[in-house]
Amino acid sequence: MINVIVIYFILILHWLADFVLQTKWQQKNKSKSFKVLLAHTAIYSLILYVPMQILQEVGYFGAQYWYASLLFALIQFVTHTVIDAITSRINTILWNNKQVHEFFVSVGFDQFLHLCILFGSFNLVYYG
């Protein structure tokens, strides 16, 4: 079972990786270029992997397989890429058409999907 400290930690990592460290160039071009999208999702996954691996190595999650953090990061990489490949294109269209409400509904749904996958896969990988 995930404790509240881990929930906050994952939320902070997600915010850093998906918002703070995503450049304006990546944000504008990930809907047009698969390379840009992959750069964003690779950085996102790395930002999640490194702290989780450190916590795993110091035993914060108990005894785990050596590859648990890598598996967690790979799940995030694949799912984040698929979700953003779809939602970034939709969001670009909505923003360009000045459909502001629909744009924010779409961004909110994008974040909802990312968080569901983050917490679901974390629970699966670390607590089986």
Protein backbone atom coordinates (compact mmCIF):
# COMPACT_ATOMS: atom_id res chain seq x y z
CA MET A 1 0.00 0.00 0.00
CA ILE A 2 1.33 3.42 -0.94
CA ASN A 3 1.85 5.77 1.98
CA VAL A 4 1.13 9.50 1.83
CA ILE A 5 4.81 10.49 1.70
CA VAL A 6 5.31 8.37 -1.43
CA ILE A 7 2.17 9.90 -2.97
CA TYR A 8 3.50 13.43 -2.41
CA PHE A 9 6.94 12.39 -3.67
CA ILE A 10 5.49 10.95 -6.90
CA LEU A 11 3.32 14.04 -7.39
CA ILE A 12 6.35 16.33 -7.02
CA LEU A 13 8.42 14.21 -9.41
CA HIS A 14 5.57 14.22 -11.93
CA TRP A 15 5.17 18.00 -11.67
CA LEU A 16 8.91 18.54 -12.12
CA ALA A 17 9.22 16.12 -15.02
CA ASP A 18 6.03 16.98 -16.92
CA PHE A 19 5.88 20.74 -16.35
CA VAL A 20 9.00 22.36 -14.92
CA LEU A 21 11.59 20.45 -16.98
CA GLN A 22 9.55 20.29 -20.18
CA THR A 23 10.90 23.12 -22.29
CA LYS A 24 8.64 25.49 -24.19
CA TRP A 25 10.14 24.10 -27.39
CA GLN A 26 9.18 20.54 -26.39
CA GLN A 27 5.70 21.66 -25.39
CA LYS A 28 5.13 23.36 -28.76
CA ASN A 29 6.71 20.66 -30.93
CA LYS A 30 5.87 17.30 -29.32
CA SER A 31 2.59 17.24 -31.23
CA LYS A 32 4.47 17.67 -34.53
CA SER A 33 7.60 15.57 -34.04
CA PHE A 34 7.89 12.06 -32.63
CA LYS A 35 11.57 12.79 -31.83
CA VAL A 36 10.60 15.75 -29.67
CA LEU A 37 7.91 13.69 -27.97
CA LEU A 38 10.42 10.90 -27.26
CA ALA A 39 12.89 13.44 -25.84
CA HIS A 40 10.19 14.71 -23.47
CA THR A 41 9.10 11.25 -22.35
CA ALA A 42 12.70 10.03 -21.97
CA ILE A 43 13.53 12.97 -19.69
CA TYR A 44 10.24 12.44 -17.84
CA SER A 45 11.04 8.76 -17.26
CA LEU A 46 14.61 9.46 -16.18
CA ILE A 47 13.41 12.04 -13.64
CA LEU A 48 11.15 9.35 -12.19
CA TYR A 49 13.72 6.56 -12.38
CA VAL A 50 16.68 8.09 -10.56
CA PRO A 51 15.00 9.05 -7.26
CA MET A 52 12.96 5.84 -7.20
CA GLN A 53 16.12 3.78 -7.74
CA ILE A 54 17.87 5.62 -4.91
CA LEU A 55 14.94 4.99 -2.57
CA GLN A 56 14.85 1.36 -3.64
CA GLU A 57 18.57 0.89 -3.02
CA VAL A 58 18.38 2.32 0.49
CA GLY A 59 15.55 -0.12 1.21
CA TYR A 60 12.69 2.37 1.44
CA PHE A 61 10.35 0.04 -0.46
CA GLY A 62 11.59 -3.12 1.24
CA ALA A 63 13.16 -6.02 -0.63
CA GLN A 64 12.59 -5.58 -4.35
CA TYR A 65 13.94 -7.02 -7.53
CA TRP A 66 16.90 -4.99 -8.82
CA TYR A 67 14.91 -3.98 -11.90
CA ALA A 68 11.77 -2.66 -10.13
CA SER A 69 12.61 1.03 -10.66
CA LEU A 70 13.64 0.37 -14.23
CA LEU A 71 10.34 -1.43 -14.90
CA PHE A 72 8.43 1.45 -13.30
CA ALA A 73 10.28 4.00 -15.48
CA LEU A 74 9.73 1.92 -18.65
CA ILE A 75 6.00 1.69 -17.96
CA GLN A 76 5.94 5.47 -17.57
CA PHE A 77 7.95 5.97 -20.76
CA VAL A 78 5.65 3.84 -22.90
CA THR A 79 2.35 5.04 -21.46
CA HIS A 80 3.38 8.70 -21.27
CA THR A 81 4.49 8.56 -24.91
CA VAL A 82 1.19 7.03 -26.05
CA ILE A 83 -0.95 9.43 -24.01
CA ASP A 84 0.99 12.53 -25.06
CA ALA A 85 1.08 11.43 -28.71
CA ILE A 86 -2.71 11.63 -28.67
CA THR A 87 -3.45 14.45 -26.23
CA SER A 88 -0.76 16.85 -27.47
CA ARG A 89 -2.30 16.78 -30.94
CA ILE A 90 -5.82 17.27 -29.57
CA ASN A 91 -4.64 20.06 -27.27
CA THR A 92 -2.86 21.87 -30.11
CA ILE A 93 -6.04 21.84 -32.19
CA LEU A 94 -8.18 23.02 -29.27
CA TRP A 95 -5.75 25.81 -28.36
CA ASN A 96 -5.38 26.99 -31.96
CA ASN A 97 -9.18 27.07 -32.34
CA LYS A 98 -9.46 29.11 -29.11
CA GLN A 99 -11.53 26.39 -27.47
CA VAL A 100 -10.10 27.26 -24.06
CA HIS A 101 -12.54 25.31 -21.89
CA GLU A 102 -12.18 22.17 -23.99
CA PHE A 103 -8.39 22.61 -23.97
CA PHE A 104 -8.27 22.63 -20.16
CA VAL A 105 -10.68 19.69 -19.96
CA SER A 106 -8.32 17.78 -22.25
CA VAL A 107 -5.22 18.80 -20.27
CA GLY A 108 -6.99 17.73 -17.07
CA PHE A 109 -7.88 14.36 -18.58
CA ASP A 110 -4.27 13.94 -19.77
CA GLN A 111 -3.06 14.53 -16.20
CA PHE A 112 -5.71 12.21 -14.77
CA LEU A 113 -4.47 9.41 -17.04
CA HIS A 114 -0.82 10.03 -16.14
CA LEU A 115 -1.56 9.99 -12.40
CA CYS A 116 -3.70 6.83 -12.61
CA ILE A 117 -0.87 5.07 -14.41
CA LEU A 118 1.78 6.44 -12.06
CA PHE A 119 0.05 5.23 -8.91
CA GLY A 120 -1.33 2.02 -10.39
CA SER A 121 1.99 0.93 -11.83
CA PHE A 122 3.87 2.01 -8.70
CA ASN A 123 1.61 -0.14 -6.56
CA LEU A 124 1.93 -3.07 -8.96
CA VAL A 125 5.72 -2.86 -9.35
CA TYR A 126 6.71 -2.14 -5.76
CA TYR A 127 3.97 -3.84 -3.78
CA GLY A 128 2.85 -6.50 -6.28
